[in-house]
Protein backbone atom coordinates (compact mmCIF):
# COMPACT_ATOMS: atom_id res chain seq x y z
CA MET A 1 -32.63 -7.03 -8.98
CA ASN A 2 -31.70 -7.69 -6.13
CA LYS A 3 -28.31 -9.04 -7.32
CA MET A 4 -28.00 -5.51 -8.50
CA ILE A 5 -28.70 -4.15 -5.09
CA LEU A 6 -26.45 -6.17 -3.74
CA ALA A 7 -23.14 -5.71 -6.28
CA LEU A 8 -24.37 -2.33 -5.92
CA SER A 9 -24.12 -1.94 -1.90
CA ALA A 10 -20.98 -4.11 -2.32
CA ALA A 11 -18.74 -1.48 -4.57
CA ALA A 12 -20.46 1.51 -1.74
CA ALA A 13 -18.89 0.16 1.60
CA LEU A 14 -15.72 -1.24 -0.96
CA SER A 15 -15.45 2.78 -2.68
CA LEU A 16 -16.05 4.23 1.78
CA SER A 17 -13.39 2.25 3.10
CA ALA A 18 -10.68 2.59 0.66
CA SER A 19 -11.62 6.39 0.72
CA ALA A 20 -10.97 6.13 4.77
CA PHE A 21 -7.82 4.54 4.40
CA ALA A 22 -6.32 6.30 1.78
CA SER A 23 -7.54 9.24 4.07
CA GLY A 24 -4.61 8.14 6.91
CA ASP A 25 -4.10 9.48 10.11
CA ALA A 26 -2.00 12.51 10.52
CA ALA A 27 -1.15 11.95 13.55
CA ARG A 28 0.60 8.78 12.85
CA GLY A 29 1.83 9.87 10.14
CA ALA A 30 3.52 13.17 11.91
CA GLU A 31 5.70 10.41 13.84
CA LEU A 32 6.55 8.22 10.62
CA ALA A 33 7.62 11.55 8.84
CA LYS A 34 10.14 11.80 12.20
CA LYS A 35 11.20 8.34 12.65
CA ASN A 36 11.90 8.03 8.72
CA ASN A 37 13.36 11.69 8.97
CA CYS A 38 11.29 12.53 6.40
CA ALA A 39 12.81 16.69 7.11
CA SER A 40 16.47 16.04 6.62
CA CYS A 41 15.74 16.78 3.35
CA HIS A 42 12.89 18.58 3.00
CA GLY A 43 12.68 20.44 5.53
CA ALA A 44 11.64 21.40 8.82
CA ASP A 45 8.87 22.71 7.87
CA TYR A 46 8.74 20.20 4.66
CA LYS A 47 8.56 22.73 2.64
CA THR A 48 11.98 24.01 2.38
CA PRO A 49 14.18 21.45 1.36
CA ILE A 50 17.65 21.49 1.24
CA ASP A 51 17.77 21.28 -1.90
CA PRO A 52 15.88 23.20 -4.36
CA SER A 53 15.60 19.76 -7.09
CA TYR A 54 13.98 17.93 -4.47
CA PRO A 55 10.03 18.73 -3.60
CA LYS A 56 8.28 20.98 -1.83
CA LEU A 57 6.35 18.63 0.31
CA ALA A 58 3.73 19.40 2.68
CA GLY A 59 0.71 20.42 1.74
CA GLN A 60 0.56 18.81 -1.45
CA HIS A 61 -2.22 16.28 -2.45
CA ALA A 62 -2.07 13.34 0.33
CA ASP A 63 -3.05 10.13 -2.92
CA TYR A 64 -0.44 11.88 -4.90
CA LEU A 65 2.35 11.69 -2.00
CA VAL A 66 1.43 8.18 -1.45
CA HIS A 67 1.37 7.49 -5.82
CA ALA A 68 4.80 8.81 -5.48
CA LEU A 69 5.60 6.55 -2.41
CA THR A 70 4.55 3.95 -4.11
CA ALA A 71 6.28 4.48 -7.00
CA TYR A 72 9.72 4.57 -5.64
CA LYS A 73 9.01 1.45 -3.75
CA ARG A 74 8.57 0.08 -7.14
CA GLY A 75 11.78 0.86 -8.61
CA ASP A 76 12.25 1.90 -12.11
CA LYS A 77 12.16 -1.76 -13.12
CA VAL A 78 8.78 -1.60 -13.16
CA MET A 79 6.82 0.75 -14.97
CA ASN A 80 5.24 3.69 -13.03
CA GLY A 81 8.30 2.70 -11.54
CA ARG A 82 11.08 5.36 -10.06
CA ASN A 83 14.55 6.31 -9.62
CA ASN A 84 16.01 7.52 -7.20
CA ALA A 85 18.15 5.52 -4.79
CA ILE A 86 17.45 7.80 -1.34
CA MET A 87 14.17 7.70 -1.80
CA ALA A 88 13.68 4.07 -2.90
CA GLY A 89 15.86 3.53 0.24
CA MET A 90 12.90 5.79 1.86
CA ALA A 91 10.30 4.05 0.52
CA GLN A 92 11.20 0.05 0.97
CA PRO A 93 10.19 -0.84 4.55
CA LEU A 94 7.34 1.47 4.02
CA SER A 95 3.33 -0.06 4.50
CA ASP A 96 0.64 1.01 2.01
CA ARG A 97 -0.73 2.29 5.56
CA ASP A 98 1.96 4.15 5.91
CA MET A 99 2.82 5.86 3.01
CA ALA A 100 -1.37 6.89 3.84
CA ASP A 101 -0.57 7.98 7.10
CA ILE A 102 2.78 10.06 6.18
CA ALA A 103 0.73 11.70 2.54
CA SER A 104 -2.50 12.32 5.28
CA TYR A 105 0.01 14.51 7.60
CA LEU A 106 2.05 16.29 4.74
CA GLN A 107 -1.52 17.37 2.63
CA SER A 108 -2.70 18.41 6.19
CA LEU A 109 0.08 21.20 6.77
CA PRO A 110 0.40 25.17 5.13
CA GLY A 111 2.61 24.40 2.51
CA PRO A 112 3.94 26.93 -1.16
CA LEU A 113 0.69 24.61 -3.38
CA VAL A 114 -1.59 27.75 -4.72
CA ILE A 115 -5.00 25.75 -6.97
CA ARG A 116 -6.30 28.70 -9.19
CA LYS A 117 -9.82 29.39 -10.69
């Protein structure tokens, strides 16, 4: 019984710490987005990209953005990787924390995404 309680407590603690990390720091993310010049392609407001084929990032779900950045960092040589020379170059130097922070910032912005009920 004690082992089960200990295991459940450890699982809950890991879950909470992963959630806290995944939420990211939006203020730091804003600095990183500016430093990495994300607006040069995705638009100053992150919802008016310079090319219609580029995604609108404002208001996008943070977990999706982290997944996408991770996939660009992996490249197309591995499963779930993405092939885009520009984004691969942008994602390579980013740490997991950097990606979570940028994603948190972009999610916090008002965007054109609509959730239908």
